[in-house]
C-alpha atoms as a PDB file:
ATOM      1  CA  MET A   1      79.721  93.782 154.425  1.00  0.00           C
ATOM      2  CA  MET A   2      81.106  92.561 151.193  1.00  0.00           C
ATOM      3  CA  MET A   3      78.744  90.965 148.732  1.00  0.00           C
ATOM      4  CA  TRP A   4      80.202  88.417 146.228  1.00  0.00           C
ATOM      5  CA  GLY A   5      78.712  88.253 142.644  1.00  0.00           C
ATOM      6  CA  TYR A   6      77.821  92.071 142.304  1.00  0.00           C
ATOM      7  CA  GLY A   7      79.649  94.889 140.580  1.00  0.00           C
ATOM      8  CA  PRO A   8      81.133  95.646 137.138  1.00  0.00           C
ATOM      9  CA  TRP A   9      83.525  92.620 137.167  1.00  0.00           C
ATOM     10  CA  SER A  10      80.931  89.993 138.000  1.00  0.00           C
ATOM     11  CA  GLY A  11      77.872  88.543 136.424  1.00  0.00           C
ATOM     12  CA  GLY A  12      75.829  91.758 135.700  1.00  0.00           C
ATOM     13  CA  GLY A  13      78.198  93.769 133.389  1.00  0.00           C
ATOM     14  CA  SER A  14      80.656  91.144 132.304  1.00  0.00           C
ATOM     15  CA  TRP A  15      79.321  91.082 128.821  1.00  0.00           C
ATOM     16  CA  PHE A  16      80.427  94.704 128.201  1.00  0.00           C
ATOM     17  CA  TRP A  17      83.914  93.923 129.414  1.00  0.00           C
ATOM     18  CA  SER A  18      83.976  90.762 127.429  1.00  0.00           C
ATOM     19  CA  VAL A  19      83.283  92.813 124.232  1.00  0.00           C
ATOM     20  CA  VAL A  20      85.860  95.504 125.168  1.00  0.00           C
ATOM     21  CA  MET A  21      88.554  92.753 125.651  1.00  0.00           C
ATOM     22  CA  MET A  22      87.706  91.129 122.511  1.00  0.00           C
ATOM     23  CA  ALA A  23      87.998  94.545 120.585  1.00  0.00           C
ATOM     24  CA  VAL A  24      91.431  95.094 122.339  1.00  0.00           C
ATOM     25  CA  GLN A  25      92.590  91.666 121.166  1.00  0.00           C
ATOM     26  CA  VAL A  26      91.401  92.128 117.605  1.00  0.00           C
ATOM     27  CA  LEU A  27      93.042  95.648 117.431  1.00  0.00           C
ATOM     28  CA  PHE A  28      96.249  94.092 118.797  1.00  0.00           C
ATOM     29  CA  TRP A  29      96.533  91.516 116.082  1.00  0.00           C
ATOM     30  CA  VAL A  30      95.504  94.012 113.343  1.00  0.00           C
ATOM     31  CA  LEU A  31      98.324  96.297 114.533  1.00  0.00           C
ATOM     32  CA  ILE A  32     100.781  93.413 114.593  1.00  0.00           C
ATOM     33  CA  ILE A  33      99.787  92.328 111.019  1.00  0.00           C
ATOM     34  CA  TRP A  34      99.896  95.991 109.727  1.00  0.00           C
ATOM     35  CA  PHE A  35     103.434  96.542 111.275  1.00  0.00           C
ATOM     36  CA  GLY A  36     104.692  93.400 109.590  1.00  0.00           C
ATOM     37  CA  VAL A  37     103.405  94.173 106.246  1.00  0.00           C
ATOM     38  CA  SER A  38     104.636  97.828 106.337  1.00  0.00           C
ATOM     39  CA  LEU A  39     108.133  96.424 107.310  1.00  0.00           C
ATOM     40  CA  PHE A  40     107.962  94.009 104.353  1.00  0.00           C
ATOM     41  CA  LYS A  41     106.828  96.771 101.872  1.00  0.00           C
ATOM     42  CA  LYS A  42     109.600  99.110 103.185  1.00  0.00           C
ATOM     43  CA  GLY A  43     112.271  96.462 102.832  1.00  0.00           C
ATOM     44  CA  ASN A  44     111.121  95.771  99.194  1.00  0.00           C
ATOM     45  CA  GLU A  45     111.264  99.578  98.328  1.00  0.00           C
ATOM     46  CA  ARG A  46     114.785  99.796  99.609  1.00  0.00           C
ATOM     47  CA  THR A  47     115.931  96.686  97.712  1.00  0.00           C
ATOM     48  CA  ASP A  48     114.280  98.089  94.587  1.00  0.00           C
ATOM     49  CA  SER A  49     115.907 101.516  94.875  1.00  0.00           C
ATOM     50  CA  LEU A  50     119.344  99.847  95.588  1.00  0.00           C
ATOM     51  CA  SER A  51     118.909  97.610  92.670  1.00  0.00           C
ATOM     52  CA  ILE A  52     118.120 100.553  90.388  1.00  0.00           C
ATOM     53  CA  ARG A  53     121.013 102.506  91.642  1.00  0.00           C
ATOM     54  CA  ASN A  54     123.376  99.623  91.047  1.00  0.00           C
ATOM     55  CA  ASP A  55     121.949  99.065  87.535  1.00  0.00           C
ATOM     56  CA  ALA A  56     122.596 102.742  86.661  1.00  0.00           C
ATOM     57  CA  MET A  57     126.082 102.590  88.021  1.00  0.00           C
ATOM     58  CA  GLY A  58     126.711  99.486  85.980  1.00  0.00           C
ATOM     59  CA  ILE A  59     125.540 101.144  82.747  1.00  0.00           C
ATOM     60  CA  LEU A  60     127.614 104.115  83.510  1.00  0.00           C
ATOM     61  CA  ARG A  61     130.628 102.035  83.858  1.00  0.00           C
ATOM     62  CA  GLU A  62     129.963 100.115  80.658  1.00  0.00           C
ATOM     63  CA  ARG A  63     129.584 103.518  78.812  1.00  0.00           C
ATOM     64  CA  TYR A  64     132.875 104.592  80.146  1.00  0.00           C
ATOM     65  CA  ALA A  65     134.599 101.387  79.303  1.00  0.00           C
ATOM     66  CA  ARG A  66     133.198 101.537  75.684  1.00  0.00           C
ATOM     67  CA  GLY A  67     134.543 105.184  75.316  1.00  0.00           C
ATOM     68  CA  GLU A  68     131.057 106.744  75.012  1.00  0.00           C
ATOM     69  CA  ILE A  69     131.813 109.123  77.938  1.00  0.00           C
ATOM     70  CA  ASP A  70     135.015 110.754  79.038  1.00  0.00           C
ATOM     71  CA  SER A  71     136.492 110.779  82.632  1.00  0.00           C
ATOM     72  CA  GLU A  72     134.905 114.084  83.592  1.00  0.00           C
ATOM     73  CA  GLU A  73     131.542 113.098  82.636  1.00  0.00           C
ATOM     74  CA  PHE A  74     131.849 109.646  84.320  1.00  0.00           C
ATOM     75  CA  HIS A  75     132.826 111.200  87.564  1.00  0.00           C
ATOM     76  CA  ARG A  76     130.064 113.932  87.454  1.00  0.00           C
ATOM     77  CA  ARG A  77     127.371 111.278  86.692  1.00  0.00           C
ATOM     78  CA  LYS A  78     128.821 108.956  89.346  1.00  0.00           C
ATOM     79  CA  GLU A  79     128.630 111.694  91.901  1.00  0.00           C
ATOM     80  CA  ASP A  80     125.037 112.408  90.815  1.00  0.00           C
ATOM     81  CA  LEU A  81     124.062 108.796  91.299  1.00  0.00           C
ATOM     82  CA  THR A  82     125.807 108.377  94.807  1.00  0.00           C
ATOM     83  CA  LYS A  83     123.772 111.215  96.275  1.00  0.00           C
END
């Protein structure tokens, strides 16, 4: 005979499962926020490294245009920057 209102999913132990489910929800949102923040940081790091590389290439071109470095040194340094 089946008895309604008894067992782990009803009345008696439901506070435990409520706490477990609340913890799972909190963990879910913490992971979502952490993932979003890490993507934002990683995107900024890529942007920063690209802008530094572009600035260095611009300086190299300016030095070559002014005649401070010759063609051989320009190409050697350009190869170093594009690695």
